[in-house]
Amino acid sequence: MIFFSKTRNFIVNFNGFISNSKASKCIYYHDIHSDNKYTEMSTPVNIFIKHIETIRKRNFEIVSNINNQKNQIKICFDDGFKGLYENLDKLHLYKIPVQIFIITSLIDTPGYLTKSELVKLSKDEFVDVQSHTCNHHSLHALSESIIKQELEDSKNILEDICGKEISAICYPKGYFNSTIIRIAKEVGYKFQYSSIPGKYFDNLYHVVKRRSLVQFADEKYLINVLRGGDNILSHWYIFKHFKS
């Protein structure tokens, strides 16, 4: 694991230096924390703020919705942990729009957002609440009827809580295939998000958005992700996550 991590970092840093892209990208985390840490995937809030400063110093604008080919970054959080809510003041102070994908079966469970917190977040100008399915199962291992139920029930639950349309889905554990893409479209998801790095407008299979995981990134690695350094890993991630 350590060898893989070092190899990946070397590849990303080298390719970032070579490519030096300004293409718009979507990056993602799982949570941020100050006093309370709810998951080992959480990023210390001071490191997160340093990421924000680095992004802006590189002349990228952090936006809620990317609409330009270059110099825009969209930030996502997966699962629905409580730390983001407890540090909501940081989003306001630094004016950071984020999108958070919720596992609905974990609402009101220890370490995760409560229903009342979700209601507040859904009304916040810097937060966009979307779906991460009901149970966070690997969708490719399920029957078509259960896939539809996971996607449909999550959408309905969140729309009932938030009082707004839920139009985006993020695949649990990054796994997806053509059947999942089709069912998600049929259920009414206009946007589908993967865990495969690349340019925001370089959609996979016409509709699937790419994202880059940066929750443990140091400044050098983050800069090279912004430069498109992890795009070179796209084919490996497709092999890992696309389950035919």
C-alpha atoms as a PDB file:
ATOM      1  CA  MET A   1       0.000   0.000   0.000  1.00  0.00           C
ATOM      2  CA  ILE A   2       2.807   2.421   0.892  1.00  0.00           C
ATOM      3  CA  PHE A   3       4.664   1.480  -2.307  1.00  0.00           C
ATOM      4  CA  PHE A   4       1.519   2.094  -4.373  1.00  0.00           C
ATOM      5  CA  SER A   5       0.931   5.447  -2.675  1.00  0.00           C
ATOM      6  CA  LYS A   6       4.498   6.612  -3.319  1.00  0.00           C
ATOM      7  CA  THR A   7       4.371   5.420  -6.923  1.00  0.00           C
ATOM      8  CA  ARG A   8       1.038   7.167  -7.526  1.00  0.00           C
ATOM      9  CA  ASN A   9       2.345  10.387  -5.990  1.00  0.00           C
ATOM     10  CA  PHE A  10       5.476  10.291  -8.158  1.00  0.00           C
ATOM     11  CA  ILE A  11       3.398   9.741 -11.314  1.00  0.00           C
ATOM     12  CA  VAL A  12       0.930  12.519 -10.450  1.00  0.00           C
ATOM     13  CA  ASN A  13       3.630  15.014  -9.493  1.00  0.00           C
ATOM     14  CA  PHE A  14       5.722  14.277 -12.592  1.00  0.00           C
ATOM     15  CA  ASN A  15       2.773  14.386 -14.970  1.00  0.00           C
ATOM     16  CA  GLY A  16       1.464  17.578 -13.354  1.00  0.00           C
ATOM     17  CA  PHE A  17       4.798  19.262 -13.959  1.00  0.00           C
ATOM     18  CA  ILE A  18       4.699  18.196 -17.620  1.00  0.00           C
ATOM     19  CA  SER A  19       1.043  18.915 -18.414  1.00  0.00           C
ATOM     20  CA  ASN A  20       0.470  22.148 -16.429  1.00  0.00           C
ATOM     21  CA  SER A  21      -3.222  22.138 -17.399  1.00  0.00           C
ATOM     22  CA  LYS A  22      -5.715  24.806 -16.375  1.00  0.00           C
ATOM     23  CA  ALA A  23      -8.749  22.637 -17.126  1.00  0.00           C
ATOM     24  CA  SER A  24     -11.658  22.846 -14.695  1.00  0.00           C
ATOM     25  CA  LYS A  25     -11.906  19.911 -12.283  1.00  0.00           C
ATOM     26  CA  CYS A  26     -14.057  18.444  -9.556  1.00  0.00           C
ATOM     27  CA  ILE A  27     -12.234  17.426  -6.362  1.00  0.00           C
ATOM     28  CA  TYR A  28     -13.616  15.588  -3.358  1.00  0.00           C
ATOM     29  CA  TYR A  29     -13.205  14.873   0.347  1.00  0.00           C
ATOM     30  CA  HIS A  30     -15.169  12.868   2.915  1.00  0.00           C
ATOM     31  CA  ASP A  31     -15.244  15.237   5.883  1.00  0.00           C
ATOM     32  CA  ILE A  32     -13.389  18.015   7.695  1.00  0.00           C
ATOM     33  CA  HIS A  33     -12.757  18.236  11.428  1.00  0.00           C
ATOM     34  CA  SER A  34     -11.528  20.575  14.130  1.00  0.00           C
ATOM     35  CA  ASP A  35     -12.415  19.247  17.606  1.00  0.00           C
ATOM     36  CA  ASN A  36     -14.372  16.115  16.664  1.00  0.00           C
ATOM     37  CA  LYS A  37     -13.201  13.595  14.073  1.00  0.00           C
ATOM     38  CA  TYR A  38     -15.950  11.314  12.768  1.00  0.00           C
ATOM     39  CA  THR A  39     -14.013   9.272  10.198  1.00  0.00           C
ATOM     40  CA  GLU A  40     -10.411   8.377   9.447  1.00  0.00           C
ATOM     41  CA  MET A  41     -11.050   9.831   5.992  1.00  0.00           C
ATOM     42  CA  SER A  42     -11.554  13.296   7.488  1.00  0.00           C
ATOM     43  CA  THR A  43      -9.266  16.225   6.659  1.00  0.00           C
ATOM     44  CA  PRO A  44      -8.157  18.635   9.424  1.00  0.00           C
ATOM     45  CA  VAL A  45      -9.959  21.915   8.860  1.00  0.00           C
ATOM     46  CA  ASN A  46      -6.690  23.899   8.851  1.00  0.00           C
ATOM     47  CA  ILE A  47      -5.363  21.669   6.038  1.00  0.00           C
ATOM     48  CA  PHE A  48      -8.639  22.101   4.145  1.00  0.00           C
ATOM     49  CA  ILE A  49      -8.320  25.894   4.400  1.00  0.00           C
ATOM     50  CA  LYS A  50      -4.726  25.643   3.118  1.00  0.00           C
ATOM     51  CA  HIS A  51      -6.094  23.665   0.160  1.00  0.00           C
ATOM     52  CA  ILE A  52      -8.563  26.475  -0.513  1.00  0.00           C
ATOM     53  CA  GLU A  53      -5.780  29.060  -0.380  1.00  0.00           C
ATOM     54  CA  THR A  54      -3.624  26.973  -2.738  1.00  0.00           C
ATOM     55  CA  ILE A  55      -6.490  26.568  -5.206  1.00  0.00           C
ATOM     56  CA  ARG A  56      -7.120  30.292  -5.280  1.00  0.00           C
ATOM     57  CA  LYS A  57      -3.430  31.178  -5.514  1.00  0.00           C
ATOM     58  CA  ARG A  58      -3.313  29.002  -8.641  1.00  0.00           C
ATOM     59  CA  ASN A  59      -6.020  31.284 -10.102  1.00  0.00           C
ATOM     60  CA  PHE A  60      -8.815  28.735  -9.893  1.00  0.00           C
ATOM     61  CA  GLU A  61     -12.277  29.928  -8.895  1.00  0.00           C
ATOM     62  CA  ILE A  62     -14.208  27.662  -6.508  1.00  0.00           C
ATOM     63  CA  VAL A  63     -17.763  27.422  -7.823  1.00  0.00           C
ATOM     64  CA  SER A  64     -20.982  25.587  -7.056  1.00  0.00           C
ATOM     65  CA  ASN A  65     -21.398  24.669 -10.734  1.00  0.00           C
ATOM     66  CA  ILE A  66     -18.626  24.560 -13.304  1.00  0.00           C
ATOM     67  CA  ASN A  67     -19.525  26.436 -16.477  1.00  0.00           C
ATOM     68  CA  ASN A  68     -16.101  27.230 -17.947  1.00  0.00           C
ATOM     69  CA  GLN A  69     -13.602  24.863 -19.529  1.00  0.00           C
ATOM     70  CA  LYS A  70     -10.736  26.361 -17.514  1.00  0.00           C
ATOM     71  CA  ASN A  71      -9.854  27.713 -14.059  1.00  0.00           C
ATOM     72  CA  GLN A  72     -12.855  26.472 -12.086  1.00  0.00           C
ATOM     73  CA  ILE A  73     -12.983  23.960  -9.224  1.00  0.00           C
ATOM     74  CA  LYS A  74     -16.012  22.206  -7.753  1.00  0.00           C
ATOM     75  CA  ILE A  75     -15.667  20.671  -4.264  1.00  0.00           C
ATOM     76  CA  CYS A  76     -17.630  17.609  -3.129  1.00  0.00           C
ATOM     77  CA  PHE A  77     -17.969  15.688   0.138  1.00  0.00           C
ATOM     78  CA  ASP A  78     -19.106  12.056   0.235  1.00  0.00           C
ATOM     79  CA  ASP A  79     -21.208  10.142   2.799  1.00  0.00           C
ATOM     80  CA  GLY A  80     -22.689  12.873   5.005  1.00  0.00           C
ATOM     81  CA  PHE A  81     -20.490  13.010   8.081  1.00  0.00           C
ATOM     82  CA  LYS A  82     -21.201  15.585  10.792  1.00  0.00           C
ATOM     83  CA  GLY A  83     -17.863  17.442  10.665  1.00  0.00           C
ATOM     84  CA  LEU A  84     -18.822  19.602   7.698  1.00  0.00           C
ATOM     85  CA  TYR A  85     -21.853  20.891   9.597  1.00  0.00           C
ATOM     86  CA  GLU A  86     -19.763  21.643  12.694  1.00  0.00           C
ATOM     87  CA  ASN A  87     -17.387  23.696  10.525  1.00  0.00           C
ATOM     88  CA  LEU A  88     -20.042  25.430   8.471  1.00  0.00           C
ATOM     89  CA  ASP A  89     -18.723  28.778   9.678  1.00  0.00           C
ATOM     90  CA  LYS A  90     -15.508  28.116   7.723  1.00  0.00           C
ATOM     91  CA  LEU A  91     -17.474  27.740   4.489  1.00  0.00           C
ATOM     92  CA  HIS A  92     -19.118  31.094   5.201  1.00  0.00           C
ATOM     93  CA  LEU A  93     -15.909  32.842   6.257  1.00  0.00           C
ATOM     94  CA  TYR A  94     -13.940  31.714   3.191  1.00  0.00           C
ATOM     95  CA  LYS A  95     -16.970  31.648   0.855  1.00  0.00           C
ATOM     96  CA  ILE A  96     -16.543  28.004  -0.168  1.00  0.00           C
ATOM     97  CA  PRO A  97     -19.459  26.412  -2.057  1.00  0.00           C
ATOM     98  CA  VAL A  98     -19.595  22.621  -1.669  1.00  0.00           C
ATOM     99  CA  GLN A  99     -21.747  19.707  -2.749  1.00  0.00           C
ATOM    100  CA  ILE A 100     -22.415  16.930  -0.219  1.00  0.00           C
ATOM    101  CA  PHE A 101     -23.578  13.440  -1.169  1.00  0.00           C
ATOM    102  CA  ILE A 102     -25.734  11.803   1.520  1.00  0.00           C
ATOM    103  CA  ILE A 103     -26.195   8.115   2.431  1.00  0.00           C
ATOM    104  CA  THR A 104     -29.811   8.311   3.559  1.00  0.00           C
ATOM    105  CA  SER A 105     -29.800   5.180   5.768  1.00  0.00           C
ATOM    106  CA  LEU A 106     -27.129   6.834   7.941  1.00  0.00           C
ATOM    107  CA  ILE A 107     -29.059  10.023   8.632  1.00  0.00           C
ATOM    108  CA  ASP A 108     -29.521  10.403  12.427  1.00  0.00           C
ATOM    109  CA  THR A 109     -26.864   7.782  13.238  1.00  0.00           C
ATOM    110  CA  PRO A 110     -23.715   8.504  15.304  1.00  0.00           C
ATOM    111  CA  GLY A 111     -21.146  10.584  13.428  1.00  0.00           C
ATOM    112  CA  TYR A 112     -23.509  11.429  10.573  1.00  0.00           C
ATOM    113  CA  LEU A 113     -25.790  14.373   9.898  1.00  0.00           C
ATOM    114  CA  THR A 114     -29.179  14.496  11.530  1.00  0.00           C
ATOM    115  CA  LYS A 115     -32.370  15.293   9.675  1.00  0.00           C
ATOM    116  CA  SER A 116     -32.559  18.751  11.250  1.00  0.00           C
ATOM    117  CA  GLU A 117     -28.934  19.461  10.294  1.00  0.00           C
ATOM    118  CA  LEU A 118     -29.675  18.398   6.716  1.00  0.00           C
ATOM    119  CA  VAL A 119     -32.638  20.752   6.602  1.00  0.00           C
ATOM    120  CA  LYS A 120     -30.379  23.617   7.678  1.00  0.00           C
ATOM    121  CA  LEU A 121     -27.645  22.643   5.187  1.00  0.00           C
ATOM    122  CA  SER A 122     -30.146  22.396   2.337  1.00  0.00           C
ATOM    123  CA  LYS A 123     -31.086  26.034   2.950  1.00  0.00           C
ATOM    124  CA  ASP A 124     -27.487  27.237   3.187  1.00  0.00           C
ATOM    125  CA  GLU A 125     -26.222  29.274   0.230  1.00  0.00           C
ATOM    126  CA  PHE A 126     -22.870  27.433   0.224  1.00  0.00           C
ATOM    127  CA  VAL A 127     -24.161  23.836   0.413  1.00  0.00           C
ATOM    128  CA  ASP A 128     -25.826  21.658  -2.228  1.00  0.00           C
ATOM    129  CA  VAL A 129     -27.253  18.391  -0.843  1.00  0.00           C
ATOM    130  CA  GLN A 130     -27.371  15.414  -3.235  1.00  0.00           C
ATOM    131  CA  SER A 131     -27.607  11.595  -3.183  1.00  0.00           C
ATOM    132  CA  HIS A 132     -25.106   8.852  -2.367  1.00  0.00           C
ATOM    133  CA  THR A 133     -27.847   6.133  -2.394  1.00  0.00           C
ATOM    134  CA  CYS A 134     -29.689   4.647   0.587  1.00  0.00           C
ATOM    135  CA  ASN A 135     -27.243   2.040   1.863  1.00  0.00           C
ATOM    136  CA  HIS A 136     -23.908   2.683   0.115  1.00  0.00           C
ATOM    137  CA  HIS A 137     -23.932  -0.791  -1.445  1.00  0.00           C
ATOM    138  CA  SER A 138     -21.715  -1.597  -4.430  1.00  0.00           C
ATOM    139  CA  LEU A 139     -24.411  -1.057  -7.034  1.00  0.00           C
ATOM    140  CA  HIS A 140     -22.918  -3.353  -9.663  1.00  0.00           C
ATOM    141  CA  ALA A 141     -23.478  -6.349  -7.351  1.00  0.00           C
ATOM    142  CA  LEU A 142     -27.232  -5.706  -7.093  1.00  0.00           C
ATOM    143  CA  SER A 143     -30.170  -6.672  -9.296  1.00  0.00           C
ATOM    144  CA  GLU A 144     -31.664  -3.979 -11.529  1.00  0.00           C
ATOM    145  CA  SER A 145     -34.744  -3.709  -9.311  1.00  0.00           C
ATOM    146  CA  ILE A 146     -32.633  -3.147  -6.166  1.00  0.00           C
ATOM    147  CA  ILE A 147     -30.407  -0.627  -7.971  1.00  0.00           C
ATOM    148  CA  LYS A 148     -33.530   1.322  -8.933  1.00  0.00           C
ATOM    149  CA  GLN A 149     -34.830   1.122  -5.367  1.00  0.00           C
ATOM    150  CA  GLU A 150     -31.505   2.381  -3.937  1.00  0.00           C
ATOM    151  CA  LEU A 151     -31.464   5.336  -6.306  1.00  0.00           C
ATOM    152  CA  GLU A 152     -35.167   6.140  -6.213  1.00  0.00           C
ATOM    153  CA  ASP A 153     -35.692   5.848  -2.455  1.00  0.00           C
ATOM    154  CA  SER A 154     -32.644   8.001  -1.691  1.00  0.00           C
ATOM    155  CA  LYS A 155     -33.853  10.669  -4.101  1.00  0.00           C
ATOM    156  CA  ASN A 156     -37.351  10.695  -2.601  1.00  0.00           C
ATOM    157  CA  ILE A 157     -36.117  10.777   1.012  1.00  0.00           C
ATOM    158  CA  LEU A 158     -33.773  13.702   0.371  1.00  0.00           C
ATOM    159  CA  GLU A 159     -36.370  15.613  -1.625  1.00  0.00           C
ATOM    160  CA  ASP A 160     -38.801  15.191   1.272  1.00  0.00           C
ATOM    161  CA  ILE A 161     -36.212  16.429   3.812  1.00  0.00           C
ATOM    162  CA  CYS A 162     -34.731  19.240   1.743  1.00  0.00           C
ATOM    163  CA  GLY A 163     -37.825  20.371  -0.115  1.00  0.00           C
ATOM    164  CA  LYS A 164     -35.989  20.597  -3.435  1.00  0.00           C
ATOM    165  CA  GLU A 165     -35.143  18.485  -6.459  1.00  0.00           C
ATOM    166  CA  ILE A 166     -32.289  16.020  -5.987  1.00  0.00           C
ATOM    167  CA  SER A 167     -30.617  15.847  -9.391  1.00  0.00           C
ATOM    168  CA  ALA A 168     -27.152  14.333  -8.757  1.00  0.00           C
ATOM    169  CA  ILE A 169     -25.925  10.897  -7.699  1.00  0.00           C
ATOM    170  CA  CYS A 170     -22.449   9.830  -6.607  1.00  0.00           C
ATOM    171  CA  TYR A 171     -21.659   6.117  -7.023  1.00  0.00           C
ATOM    172  CA  PRO A 172     -20.882   4.312  -3.731  1.00  0.00           C
ATOM    173  CA  LYS A 173     -17.234   3.184  -3.598  1.00  0.00           C
ATOM    174  CA  GLY A 174     -16.897   4.503  -7.147  1.00  0.00           C
ATOM    175  CA  TYR A 175     -18.310   1.349  -8.787  1.00  0.00           C
ATOM    176  CA  PHE A 176     -20.593   1.714 -11.807  1.00  0.00           C
ATOM    177  CA  ASN A 177     -21.479   0.255 -15.201  1.00  0.00           C
ATOM    178  CA  SER A 178     -23.743   0.940 -18.171  1.00  0.00           C
ATOM    179  CA  THR A 179     -26.779  -0.529 -16.380  1.00  0.00           C
ATOM    180  CA  ILE A 180     -26.308   1.800 -13.399  1.00  0.00           C
ATOM    181  CA  ILE A 181     -25.870   4.787 -15.714  1.00  0.00           C
ATOM    182  CA  ARG A 182     -29.108   3.918 -17.532  1.00  0.00           C
ATOM    183  CA  ILE A 183     -31.164   3.375 -14.371  1.00  0.00           C
ATOM    184  CA  ALA A 184     -29.882   6.588 -12.789  1.00  0.00           C
ATOM    185  CA  LYS A 185     -31.007   8.519 -15.867  1.00  0.00           C
ATOM    186  CA  GLU A 186     -34.410   6.798 -15.798  1.00  0.00           C
ATOM    187  CA  VAL A 187     -34.873   7.637 -12.108  1.00  0.00           C
ATOM    188  CA  GLY A 188     -34.234  11.312 -12.893  1.00  0.00           C
ATOM    189  CA  TYR A 189     -30.614  12.035 -12.008  1.00  0.00           C
ATOM    190  CA  LYS A 190     -29.261  14.678 -14.363  1.00  0.00           C
ATOM    191  CA  PHE A 191     -25.690  14.415 -13.045  1.00  0.00           C
ATOM    192  CA  GLN A 192     -23.690  11.275 -12.189  1.00  0.00           C
ATOM    193  CA  TYR A 193     -20.344  11.442 -10.386  1.00  0.00           C
ATOM    194  CA  SER A 194     -17.544   8.866 -10.363  1.00  0.00           C
ATOM    195  CA  SER A 195     -14.207   8.568  -8.542  1.00  0.00           C
ATOM    196  CA  ILE A 196     -12.219   8.660 -11.773  1.00  0.00           C
ATOM    197  CA  PRO A 197      -9.905  11.664 -12.243  1.00  0.00           C
ATOM    198  CA  GLY A 198      -9.881  13.939 -15.244  1.00  0.00           C
ATOM    199  CA  LYS A 199     -11.199  17.147 -16.756  1.00  0.00           C
ATOM    200  CA  TYR A 200     -14.700  18.112 -15.674  1.00  0.00           C
ATOM    201  CA  PHE A 201     -16.083  18.327 -19.199  1.00  0.00           C
ATOM    202  CA  ASP A 202     -14.401  15.104 -20.342  1.00  0.00           C
ATOM    203  CA  ASN A 203     -17.408  12.965 -19.464  1.00  0.00           C
ATOM    204  CA  LEU A 204     -17.207   9.199 -19.252  1.00  0.00           C
ATOM    205  CA  TYR A 205     -19.859   7.353 -21.262  1.00  0.00           C
ATOM    206  CA  HIS A 206     -21.371  10.741 -22.206  1.00  0.00           C
ATOM    207  CA  VAL A 207     -22.842  11.553 -18.765  1.00  0.00           C
ATOM    208  CA  VAL A 208     -20.460  10.527 -15.967  1.00  0.00           C
ATOM    209  CA  LYS A 209     -18.457  13.287 -14.293  1.00  0.00           C
ATOM    210  CA  ARG A 210     -14.863  12.760 -13.180  1.00  0.00           C
ATOM    211  CA  ARG A 211     -13.523  13.657  -9.722  1.00  0.00           C
ATOM    212  CA  SER A 212     -10.140  13.721  -8.009  1.00  0.00           C
ATOM    213  CA  LEU A 213      -9.688  12.602  -4.383  1.00  0.00           C
ATOM    214  CA  VAL A 214      -7.509  15.099  -2.482  1.00  0.00           C
ATOM    215  CA  GLN A 215      -8.428  14.596   1.182  1.00  0.00           C
ATOM    216  CA  PHE A 216      -4.878  13.597   2.191  1.00  0.00           C
ATOM    217  CA  ALA A 217      -3.035  15.743  -0.368  1.00  0.00           C
ATOM    218  CA  ASP A 218      -0.035  17.826   0.621  1.00  0.00           C
ATOM    219  CA  GLU A 219       0.463  21.143  -1.186  1.00  0.00           C
ATOM    220  CA  LYS A 220       2.716  19.712  -3.919  1.00  0.00           C
ATOM    221  CA  TYR A 221       0.326  16.872  -4.711  1.00  0.00           C
ATOM    222  CA  LEU A 222      -2.709  19.193  -4.742  1.00  0.00           C
ATOM    223  CA  ILE A 223      -0.972  21.622  -7.101  1.00  0.00           C
ATOM    224  CA  ASN A 224      -0.184  18.790  -9.488  1.00  0.00           C
ATOM    225  CA  VAL A 225      -3.759  17.498  -9.335  1.00  0.00           C
ATOM    226  CA  LEU A 226      -4.886  21.013 -10.293  1.00  0.00           C
ATOM    227  CA  ARG A 227      -2.406  20.857 -13.173  1.00  0.00           C
ATOM    228  CA  GLY A 228      -4.032  17.625 -14.357  1.00  0.00           C
ATOM    229  CA  GLY A 229      -1.308  15.339 -13.036  1.00  0.00           C
ATOM    230  CA  ASP A 230      -3.725  12.597 -11.968  1.00  0.00           C
ATOM    231  CA  ASN A 231      -5.474  12.501 -15.362  1.00  0.00           C
ATOM    232  CA  ILE A 232      -2.868   9.976 -16.460  1.00  0.00           C
ATOM    233  CA  LEU A 233      -4.338   7.508 -13.924  1.00  0.00           C
ATOM    234  CA  SER A 234      -7.772   7.637 -15.533  1.00  0.00           C
ATOM    235  CA  HIS A 235      -7.501   4.324 -17.396  1.00  0.00           C
ATOM    236  CA  TRP A 236      -6.348   2.515 -14.258  1.00  0.00           C
ATOM    237  CA  TYR A 237      -9.281   3.910 -12.281  1.00  0.00           C
ATOM    238  CA  ILE A 238     -11.718   2.953 -15.052  1.00  0.00           C
ATOM    239  CA  PHE A 239     -10.350  -0.593 -14.931  1.00  0.00           C
ATOM    240  CA  LYS A 240     -10.807  -0.576 -11.157  1.00  0.00           C
ATOM    241  CA  HIS A 241     -14.275   1.005 -10.973  1.00  0.00           C
ATOM    242  CA  PHE A 242     -16.181   0.178 -14.171  1.00  0.00           C
ATOM    243  CA  LYS A 243     -17.775  -3.220 -13.580  1.00  0.00           C
ATOM    244  CA  SER A 244     -19.275  -4.722 -16.720  1.00  0.00           C
END
